[in-house]
Amino acid sequence: VWGNMKQKIFLYLIVALAIVGAAISIHLTVNLYQPESGLIFCKGDNADCESVIHSEYSSVAGIPLSSYATLFYAFMLFTFLVTAYADGKYYYVCAWVVIFPLSVISLIADGILAGILIRLGKFCVLCVTTYLINILIFALLLFYLQAIQKAFSVNLREIFLLALKIEEN
């Protein structure tokens, strides 16, 4: 059922978005530690990525938020690339069960960070781009959920139970 391209399209789109998100996050991290490299997309009167990534809100526990984002995107990439390579129908269920809650957490974090941008009175094009990427990934995960539900004839609760059952085996 999961072998055809139509059902894998969500996975490949998520992978592509995760690659872009990881590239932006890495770019922000590099520019945090090496500001002389200059931010490519954050020049101009209304864009101020430099002050945003150097603000007091740009790290948690001494680790830059862009590093957490890089880790999030790398984990998502790894999970979905392994899923695509393994190509077993249950791997798609497990991948969704692992990534979906992380996507929800990323949206909550993005909402908080957007509020901080507003509080700072700054606009970081790269930060907002990652927020949009996370919204798109979440939307694709919802479509991915529908494909899983259709393929397995299960509801949301049963998907989590199916993933747990797979883990037991």
N, C-alpha and C. Protein backbone atom coordinates (compact mmCIF):
# COMPACT_ATOMS: atom_id res chain seq x y z
N VAL A 1 0.82 -1.20 0.00
CA VAL A 1 0.00 0.00 0.00
C VAL A 1 0.86 1.25 0.00
N TRP A 2 1.94 1.24 0.80
CA TRP A 2 2.78 2.43 0.92
C TRP A 2 3.84 2.51 -0.17
N GLY A 3 3.88 1.56 -1.07
CA GLY A 3 4.93 1.53 -2.07
C GLY A 3 4.79 2.56 -3.17
N ASN A 4 3.59 3.11 -3.38
CA ASN A 4 3.46 4.02 -4.51
C ASN A 4 3.86 5.44 -4.16
N MET A 5 4.22 6.19 -5.15
CA MET A 5 4.76 7.53 -4.99
C MET A 5 3.74 8.51 -4.44
N LYS A 6 2.48 8.31 -4.76
CA LYS A 6 1.44 9.23 -4.32
C LYS A 6 1.42 9.35 -2.79
N GLN A 7 1.59 8.24 -2.11
CA GLN A 7 1.54 8.26 -0.66
C GLN A 7 2.87 8.68 -0.03
N LYS A 8 3.95 8.57 -0.76
CA LYS A 8 5.26 8.98 -0.24
C LYS A 8 5.53 10.46 -0.45
N ILE A 9 4.69 11.14 -1.22
CA ILE A 9 4.95 12.53 -1.55
C ILE A 9 5.03 13.40 -0.30
N PHE A 10 4.20 13.10 0.71
CA PHE A 10 4.24 13.88 1.95
C PHE A 10 5.59 13.73 2.62
N LEU A 11 6.09 12.52 2.63
CA LEU A 11 7.39 12.25 3.24
C LEU A 11 8.49 13.05 2.54
N TYR A 12 8.50 13.04 1.23
CA TYR A 12 9.54 13.73 0.48
C TYR A 12 9.43 15.26 0.62
N LEU A 13 8.22 15.77 0.68
CA LEU A 13 8.04 17.20 0.89
C LEU A 13 8.53 17.62 2.28
N ILE A 14 8.24 16.81 3.27
CA ILE A 14 8.70 17.09 4.63
C ILE A 14 10.23 17.06 4.67
N VAL A 15 10.83 16.08 4.01
CA VAL A 15 12.29 16.00 3.95
C VAL A 15 12.87 17.25 3.30
N ALA A 16 12.28 17.70 2.21
CA ALA A 16 12.77 18.90 1.53
C ALA A 16 12.66 20.13 2.44
N LEU A 17 11.54 20.28 3.13
CA LEU A 17 11.37 21.41 4.05
C LEU A 17 12.36 21.32 5.21
N ALA A 18 12.58 20.12 5.71
CA ALA A 18 13.54 19.93 6.81
C ALA A 18 14.96 20.30 6.37
N ILE A 19 15.30 20.01 5.14
CA ILE A 19 16.62 20.38 4.63
C ILE A 19 16.77 21.90 4.59
N VAL A 20 15.74 22.58 4.10
CA VAL A 20 15.77 24.04 4.06
C VAL A 20 15.83 24.61 5.48
N GLY A 21 15.02 24.07 6.38
CA GLY A 21 15.03 24.53 7.77
C GLY A 21 16.38 24.31 8.43
N ALA A 22 16.98 23.16 8.17
CA ALA A 22 18.31 22.87 8.73
C ALA A 22 19.35 23.83 8.18
N ALA A 23 19.28 24.12 6.90
CA ALA A 23 20.25 25.04 6.29
C ALA A 23 20.12 26.44 6.90
N ILE A 24 18.91 26.90 7.10
CA ILE A 24 18.71 28.22 7.71
C ILE A 24 19.21 28.21 9.15
N SER A 25 18.89 27.17 9.90
CA SER A 25 19.31 27.08 11.30
C SER A 25 20.83 27.02 11.43
N ILE A 26 21.46 26.27 10.56
CA ILE A 26 22.93 26.21 10.56
C ILE A 26 23.50 27.59 10.22
N HIS A 27 22.90 28.24 9.24
CA HIS A 27 23.34 29.58 8.84
C HIS A 27 23.26 30.55 10.03
N LEU A 28 22.15 30.51 10.77
CA LEU A 28 21.99 31.39 11.93
C LEU A 28 23.01 31.06 13.01
N THR A 29 23.28 29.77 13.23
CA THR A 29 24.26 29.37 14.24
C THR A 29 25.65 29.83 13.86
N VAL A 30 26.02 29.65 12.61
CA VAL A 30 27.34 30.08 12.15
C VAL A 30 27.48 31.59 12.33
N ASN A 31 26.44 32.32 11.97
CA ASN A 31 26.50 33.78 12.09
C ASN A 31 26.49 34.25 13.54
N LEU A 32 26.00 33.45 14.44
CA LEU A 32 26.06 33.79 15.85
C LEU A 32 27.50 33.76 16.34
N TYR A 33 28.23 32.73 15.94
CA TYR A 33 29.61 32.56 16.41
C TYR A 33 30.63 33.29 15.53
N GLN A 34 30.26 33.55 14.30
CA GLN A 34 31.16 34.27 13.39
C GLN A 34 30.39 35.39 12.68
N PRO A 35 30.09 36.44 13.42
CA PRO A 35 29.26 37.52 12.84
C PRO A 35 29.89 38.20 11.63
N GLU A 36 31.19 38.10 11.49
CA GLU A 36 31.83 38.72 10.32
C GLU A 36 31.44 38.05 9.02
N SER A 37 30.87 36.86 9.10
CA SER A 37 30.44 36.17 7.87
C SER A 37 29.23 36.88 7.25
N GLY A 38 28.45 37.60 8.05
CA GLY A 38 27.33 38.39 7.54
C GLY A 38 26.11 37.55 7.18
N LEU A 39 24.96 38.05 7.54
CA LEU A 39 23.72 37.36 7.22
C LEU A 39 23.26 37.76 5.82
N ILE A 40 23.06 36.79 4.99
CA ILE A 40 22.71 37.03 3.59
C ILE A 40 21.35 37.70 3.44
N PHE A 41 20.33 37.18 4.11
CA PHE A 41 18.96 37.62 3.88
C PHE A 41 18.46 38.65 4.88
N CYS A 42 19.31 39.11 5.73
CA CYS A 42 18.85 40.02 6.79
C CYS A 42 19.52 41.37 6.71
N LYS A 43 19.46 41.98 5.58
CA LYS A 43 20.00 43.33 5.41
C LYS A 43 18.83 44.27 5.13
N GLY A 44 18.90 45.45 5.63
CA GLY A 44 17.84 46.42 5.34
C GLY A 44 17.31 47.07 6.60
N ASP A 45 16.38 48.01 6.40
CA ASP A 45 15.85 48.80 7.51
C ASP A 45 14.96 47.98 8.44
N ASN A 46 14.14 47.10 7.89
CA ASN A 46 13.19 46.35 8.71
C ASN A 46 13.70 45.00 9.16
N ALA A 47 14.78 44.52 8.59
CA ALA A 47 15.31 43.20 8.93
C ALA A 47 16.49 43.37 9.88
N ASP A 48 16.44 42.68 11.00
CA ASP A 48 17.51 42.83 11.97
C ASP A 48 17.81 41.48 12.63
N CYS A 49 18.19 40.52 11.83
CA CYS A 49 18.50 39.18 12.34
C CYS A 49 19.68 39.21 13.30
N GLU A 50 20.64 40.06 13.01
CA GLU A 50 21.86 40.13 13.81
C GLU A 50 21.53 40.41 15.28
N SER A 51 20.70 41.42 15.54
CA SER A 51 20.38 41.73 16.94
C SER A 51 19.48 40.67 17.55
N VAL A 52 18.67 40.00 16.75
CA VAL A 52 17.79 38.95 17.27
C VAL A 52 18.63 37.76 17.72
N ILE A 53 19.59 37.32 16.91
CA ILE A 53 20.37 36.14 17.29
C ILE A 53 21.38 36.44 18.40
N HIS A 54 21.60 37.73 18.68
CA HIS A 54 22.48 38.11 19.79
C HIS A 54 21.70 38.61 21.01
N SER A 55 20.38 38.51 20.96
CA SER A 55 19.57 39.00 22.09
C SER A 55 19.64 38.02 23.26
N GLU A 56 19.15 38.47 24.40
CA GLU A 56 19.15 37.63 25.60
C GLU A 56 18.20 36.44 25.47
N TYR A 57 17.31 36.49 24.48
CA TYR A 57 16.33 35.42 24.28
C TYR A 57 16.78 34.38 23.26
N SER A 58 17.99 34.49 22.76
CA SER A 58 18.43 33.64 21.66
C SER A 58 19.02 32.30 22.09
N SER A 59 19.05 32.04 23.40
CA SER A 59 19.58 30.76 23.85
C SER A 59 18.82 30.25 25.06
N VAL A 60 18.88 28.95 25.25
CA VAL A 60 18.30 28.28 26.41
C VAL A 60 19.37 27.36 26.96
N ALA A 61 19.66 27.51 28.24
CA ALA A 61 20.70 26.73 28.91
C ALA A 61 22.05 26.92 28.23
N GLY A 62 22.27 28.12 27.72
CA GLY A 62 23.55 28.43 27.09
C GLY A 62 23.71 27.90 25.68
N ILE A 63 22.68 27.28 25.15
CA ILE A 63 22.73 26.72 23.79
C ILE A 63 21.84 27.56 22.89
N PRO A 64 22.36 28.02 21.74
CA PRO A 64 21.55 28.85 20.84
C PRO A 64 20.31 28.11 20.35
N LEU A 65 19.21 28.84 20.25
CA LEU A 65 17.97 28.25 19.75
C LEU A 65 18.15 27.70 18.34
N SER A 66 19.01 28.34 17.56
CA SER A 66 19.25 27.85 16.20
C SER A 66 19.92 26.47 16.22
N SER A 67 20.67 26.17 17.26
CA SER A 67 21.26 24.84 17.39
C SER A 67 20.20 23.80 17.72
N TYR A 68 19.24 24.18 18.58
CA TYR A 68 18.11 23.27 18.86
C TYR A 68 17.32 23.01 17.58
N ALA A 69 17.11 24.07 16.80
CA ALA A 69 16.37 23.92 15.54
C ALA A 69 17.12 23.01 14.57
N THR A 70 18.44 23.16 14.51
CA THR A 70 19.25 22.29 13.65
C THR A 70 19.09 20.84 14.08
N LEU A 71 19.13 20.59 15.37
CA LEU A 71 18.95 19.24 15.90
C LEU A 71 17.56 18.69 15.56
N PHE A 72 16.54 19.53 15.69
CA PHE A 72 15.17 19.13 15.36
C PHE A 72 15.06 18.72 13.89
N TYR A 73 15.57 19.57 13.01
CA TYR A 73 15.49 19.26 11.58
C TYR A 73 16.33 18.04 11.22
N ALA A 74 17.50 17.91 11.83
CA ALA A 74 18.36 16.74 11.55
C ALA A 74 17.67 15.45 12.01
N PHE A 75 17.03 15.50 13.18
CA PHE A 75 16.32 14.32 13.68
C PHE A 75 15.16 13.96 12.74
N MET A 76 14.45 14.97 12.29
CA MET A 76 13.34 14.74 11.36
C MET A 76 13.86 14.14 10.05
N LEU A 77 14.94 14.70 9.54
CA LEU A 77 15.54 14.17 8.31
C LEU A 77 15.95 12.72 8.48
N PHE A 78 16.67 12.45 9.55
CA PHE A 78 17.13 11.08 9.82
C PHE A 78 15.94 10.13 9.91
N THR A 79 14.92 10.51 10.66
CA THR A 79 13.75 9.65 10.85
C THR A 79 13.07 9.34 9.53
N PHE A 80 12.82 10.37 8.73
CA PHE A 80 12.09 10.14 7.48
C PHE A 80 12.95 9.51 6.39
N LEU A 81 14.24 9.78 6.39
CA LEU A 81 15.10 9.12 5.40
C LEU A 81 15.25 7.63 5.71
N VAL A 82 15.37 7.29 6.99
CA VAL A 82 15.40 5.87 7.37
C VAL A 82 14.07 5.21 7.00
N THR A 83 12.99 5.92 7.24
CA THR A 83 11.67 5.39 6.90
C THR A 83 11.56 5.13 5.40
N ALA A 84 11.99 6.08 4.59
CA ALA A 84 11.92 5.92 3.14
C ALA A 84 12.82 4.79 2.67
N TYR A 85 13.99 4.67 3.28
CA TYR A 85 14.92 3.62 2.89
C TYR A 85 14.41 2.25 3.30
N ALA A 86 13.89 2.14 4.52
CA ALA A 86 13.39 0.84 5.01
C ALA A 86 12.14 0.43 4.25
N ASP A 87 11.29 1.40 3.92
CA ASP A 87 10.12 1.20 3.08
C ASP A 87 9.16 0.13 3.58
N GLY A 88 9.09 -0.06 4.88
CA GLY A 88 8.07 -0.94 5.44
C GLY A 88 6.89 -0.11 5.86
N LYS A 89 5.67 -0.58 5.63
CA LYS A 89 4.52 0.27 5.89
C LYS A 89 4.40 0.67 7.36
N TYR A 90 4.85 -0.14 8.28
CA TYR A 90 4.76 0.22 9.68
C TYR A 90 5.78 1.27 10.08
N TYR A 91 6.87 1.39 9.34
CA TYR A 91 7.85 2.43 9.62
C TYR A 91 7.24 3.81 9.42
N TYR A 92 6.33 3.93 8.46
CA TYR A 92 5.68 5.21 8.21
C TYR A 92 4.82 5.61 9.40
N VAL A 93 4.16 4.65 10.01
CA VAL A 93 3.36 4.91 11.21
C VAL A 93 4.26 5.35 12.35
N CYS A 94 5.31 4.62 12.59
CA CYS A 94 6.24 4.96 13.69
C CYS A 94 6.87 6.33 13.48
N ALA A 95 7.25 6.63 12.26
CA ALA A 95 7.86 7.94 11.97
C ALA A 95 6.87 9.05 12.29
N TRP A 96 5.62 8.89 11.89
CA TRP A 96 4.62 9.91 12.17
C TRP A 96 4.42 10.07 13.68
N VAL A 97 4.33 8.96 14.39
CA VAL A 97 4.10 8.99 15.84
C VAL A 97 5.24 9.71 16.55
N VAL A 98 6.45 9.58 16.06
CA VAL A 98 7.60 10.23 16.68
C VAL A 98 7.66 11.72 16.30
N ILE A 99 7.45 12.04 15.05
CA ILE A 99 7.66 13.40 14.56
C ILE A 99 6.49 14.33 14.85
N PHE A 100 5.27 13.83 14.82
CA PHE A 100 4.12 14.72 15.01
C PHE A 100 4.15 15.47 16.34
N PRO A 101 4.37 14.80 17.47
CA PRO A 101 4.42 15.56 18.74
C PRO A 101 5.56 16.60 18.75
N LEU A 102 6.67 16.27 18.13
CA LEU A 102 7.78 17.24 18.05
C LEU A 102 7.37 18.45 17.20
N SER A 103 6.58 18.20 16.17
CA SER A 103 6.11 19.29 15.32
C SER A 103 5.17 20.20 16.10
N VAL A 104 4.32 19.62 16.92
CA VAL A 104 3.42 20.42 17.75
C VAL A 104 4.24 21.28 18.72
N ILE A 105 5.25 20.69 19.34
CA ILE A 105 6.12 21.43 20.26
C ILE A 105 6.83 22.57 19.52
N SER A 106 7.26 22.30 18.29
CA SER A 106 7.95 23.36 17.52
C SER A 106 7.00 24.51 17.22
N LEU A 107 5.73 24.23 16.96
CA LEU A 107 4.78 25.31 16.70
C LEU A 107 4.54 26.14 17.96
N ILE A 108 4.47 25.49 19.10
CA ILE A 108 4.32 26.22 20.36
C ILE A 108 5.54 27.11 20.59
N ALA A 109 6.72 26.55 20.40
CA ALA A 109 7.95 27.33 20.56
C ALA A 109 7.99 28.49 19.57
N ASP A 110 7.57 28.24 18.33
CA ASP A 110 7.56 29.31 17.32
C ASP A 110 6.61 30.43 17.72
N GLY A 111 5.47 30.09 18.30
CA GLY A 111 4.53 31.11 18.77
C GLY A 111 5.15 31.98 19.84
N ILE A 112 5.85 31.35 20.77
CA ILE A 112 6.53 32.09 21.83
C ILE A 112 7.63 32.98 21.23
N LEU A 113 8.40 32.41 20.31
CA LEU A 113 9.49 33.17 19.70
C LEU A 113 8.97 34.33 18.84
N ALA A 114 7.84 34.12 18.18
CA ALA A 114 7.24 35.22 17.40
C ALA A 114 6.80 36.34 18.34
N GLY A 115 6.26 35.96 19.49
CA GLY A 115 5.91 36.97 20.50
C GLY A 115 7.12 37.73 20.98
N ILE A 116 8.23 37.04 21.16
CA ILE A 116 9.47 37.71 21.58
C ILE A 116 9.96 38.66 20.49
N LEU A 117 9.85 38.25 19.22
CA LEU A 117 10.24 39.16 18.13
C LEU A 117 9.41 40.43 18.17
N ILE A 118 8.12 40.27 18.42
CA ILE A 118 7.24 41.44 18.50
C ILE A 118 7.64 42.31 19.69
N ARG A 119 7.92 41.66 20.83
CA ARG A 119 8.33 42.40 22.03
C ARG A 119 9.63 43.17 21.79
N LEU A 120 10.56 42.53 21.08
CA LEU A 120 11.82 43.19 20.77
C LEU A 120 11.66 44.30 19.73
N GLY A 121 10.57 44.24 18.98
CA GLY A 121 10.37 45.20 17.90
C GLY A 121 11.30 44.95 16.73
N LYS A 122 11.71 43.70 16.56
CA LYS A 122 12.65 43.33 15.50
C LYS A 122 11.97 42.38 14.52
N PHE A 123 12.56 42.27 13.35
CA PHE A 123 12.06 41.33 12.35
C PHE A 123 13.24 40.54 11.79
N CYS A 124 13.21 39.25 11.99
CA CYS A 124 14.26 38.37 11.47
C CYS A 124 13.65 37.52 10.36
N VAL A 125 14.01 37.82 9.13
CA VAL A 125 13.45 37.11 7.97
C VAL A 125 13.72 35.60 8.09
N LEU A 126 14.92 35.23 8.51
CA LEU A 126 15.27 33.82 8.60
C LEU A 126 14.49 33.11 9.70
N CYS A 127 14.29 33.79 10.82
CA CYS A 127 13.51 33.21 11.91
C CYS A 127 12.07 32.96 11.46
N VAL A 128 11.47 33.98 10.85
CA VAL A 128 10.09 33.86 10.38
C VAL A 128 9.97 32.78 9.31
N THR A 129 10.99 32.65 8.47
CA THR A 129 10.99 31.61 7.44
C THR A 129 10.95 30.23 8.09
N THR A 130 11.71 30.03 9.17
CA THR A 130 11.66 28.73 9.85
C THR A 130 10.30 28.49 10.49
N TYR A 131 9.65 29.57 10.97
CA TYR A 131 8.31 29.42 11.52
C TYR A 131 7.35 28.93 10.43
N LEU A 132 7.46 29.53 9.25
CA LEU A 132 6.61 29.12 8.12
C LEU A 132 6.91 27.68 7.70
N ILE A 133 8.18 27.31 7.70
CA ILE A 133 8.55 25.94 7.36
C ILE A 133 7.92 24.98 8.36
N ASN A 134 7.94 25.31 9.64
CA ASN A 134 7.35 24.44 10.66
C ASN A 134 5.84 24.33 10.50
N ILE A 135 5.18 25.42 10.10
CA ILE A 135 3.74 25.38 9.84
C ILE A 135 3.46 24.46 8.66
N LEU A 136 4.25 24.58 7.60
CA LEU A 136 4.07 23.71 6.42
C LEU A 136 4.32 22.24 6.77
N ILE A 137 5.35 21.98 7.57
CA ILE A 137 5.63 20.60 7.98
C ILE A 137 4.46 20.05 8.78
N PHE A 138 3.92 20.85 9.69
CA PHE A 138 2.76 20.42 10.48
C PHE A 138 1.58 20.09 9.57
N ALA A 139 1.31 20.97 8.60
CA ALA A 139 0.20 20.73 7.67
C ALA A 139 0.42 19.45 6.88
N LEU A 140 1.65 19.24 6.41
CA LEU A 140 1.95 18.01 5.67
C LEU A 140 1.81 16.78 6.56
N LEU A 141 2.16 16.91 7.82
CA LEU A 141 1.99 15.79 8.75
C LEU A 141 0.51 15.46 8.95
N LEU A 142 -0.35 16.46 8.87
CA LEU A 142 -1.79 16.19 8.96
C LEU A 142 -2.27 15.43 7.73
N PHE A 143 -1.79 15.81 6.55
CA PHE A 143 -2.13 15.05 5.33
C PHE A 143 -1.54 13.64 5.39
N TYR A 144 -0.34 13.56 5.92
CA TYR A 144 0.33 12.27 6.10
C TYR A 144 -0.50 11.38 7.03
N LEU A 145 -1.07 12.00 8.08
CA LEU A 145 -1.96 11.27 8.99
C LEU A 145 -3.16 10.70 8.25
N GLN A 146 -3.75 11.50 7.39
CA GLN A 146 -4.90 11.03 6.62
C GLN A 146 -4.52 9.84 5.73
N ALA A 147 -3.34 9.90 5.14
CA ALA A 147 -2.88 8.78 4.30
C ALA A 147 -2.69 7.52 5.14
N ILE A 148 -2.14 7.68 6.34
CA ILE A 148 -1.95 6.54 7.24
C ILE A 148 -3.31 5.97 7.65
N GLN A 149 -4.23 6.85 8.02
CA GLN A 149 -5.55 6.39 8.44
C GLN A 149 -6.26 5.64 7.31
N LYS A 150 -6.11 6.14 6.11
CA LYS A 150 -6.74 5.49 4.96
C LYS A 150 -6.09 4.14 4.67
N ALA A 151 -4.77 4.08 4.73
CA ALA A 151 -4.04 2.85 4.41
C ALA A 151 -4.30 1.75 5.43
N PHE A 152 -4.44 2.11 6.71
CA PHE A 152 -4.59 1.12 7.76
C PHE A 152 -6.02 1.02 8.30
N SER A 153 -6.91 1.90 7.83
CA SER A 153 -8.29 1.96 8.33
C SER A 153 -8.33 2.07 9.85
N VAL A 154 -7.61 3.06 10.37
CA VAL A 154 -7.53 3.27 11.81
C VAL A 154 -7.78 4.74 12.14
N ASN A 155 -8.15 5.01 13.40
CA ASN A 155 -8.28 6.39 13.85
C ASN A 155 -6.99 6.83 14.54
N LEU A 156 -6.97 8.07 15.02
CA LEU A 156 -5.75 8.62 15.61
C LEU A 156 -5.28 7.80 16.81
N ARG A 157 -6.18 7.45 17.70
CA ARG A 157 -5.80 6.66 18.88
C ARG A 157 -5.20 5.32 18.47
N GLU A 158 -5.81 4.69 17.49
CA GLU A 158 -5.33 3.38 17.03
C GLU A 158 -3.96 3.47 16.36
N ILE A 159 -3.64 4.62 15.80
CA ILE A 159 -2.31 4.80 15.20
C ILE A 159 -1.24 4.71 16.28
N PHE A 160 -1.48 5.39 17.40
CA PHE A 160 -0.51 5.33 18.50
C PHE A 160 -0.43 3.92 19.08
N LEU A 161 -1.57 3.25 19.19
CA LEU A 161 -1.57 1.86 19.68
C LEU A 161 -0.87 0.94 18.70
N LEU A 162 -1.06 1.17 17.41
CA LEU A 162 -0.39 0.38 16.39
C LEU A 162 1.12 0.55 16.49
N ALA A 163 1.57 1.79 16.71
CA ALA A 163 3.00 2.04 16.85
C ALA A 163 3.55 1.34 18.09
N LEU A 164 2.81 1.35 19.17
CA LEU A 164 3.25 0.66 20.39
C LEU A 164 3.31 -0.85 20.17
N LYS A 165 2.34 -1.36 19.45
CA LYS A 165 2.31 -2.80 19.17
C LYS A 165 3.52 -3.20 18.30
N ILE A 166 3.85 -2.35 17.37
CA ILE A 166 5.00 -2.61 16.49
C ILE A 166 6.27 -2.66 17.35
N GLU A 167 6.38 -1.73 18.30
CA GLU A 167 7.55 -1.68 19.16
C GLU A 167 7.68 -2.95 20.00
N GLU A 168 6.54 -3.48 20.44
CA GLU A 168 6.58 -4.72 21.23
C GLU A 168 7.15 -5.87 20.41
N ASN A 169 6.80 -5.92 19.14
CA ASN A 169 7.26 -7.00 18.27
C ASN A 169 8.72 -6.80 17.92
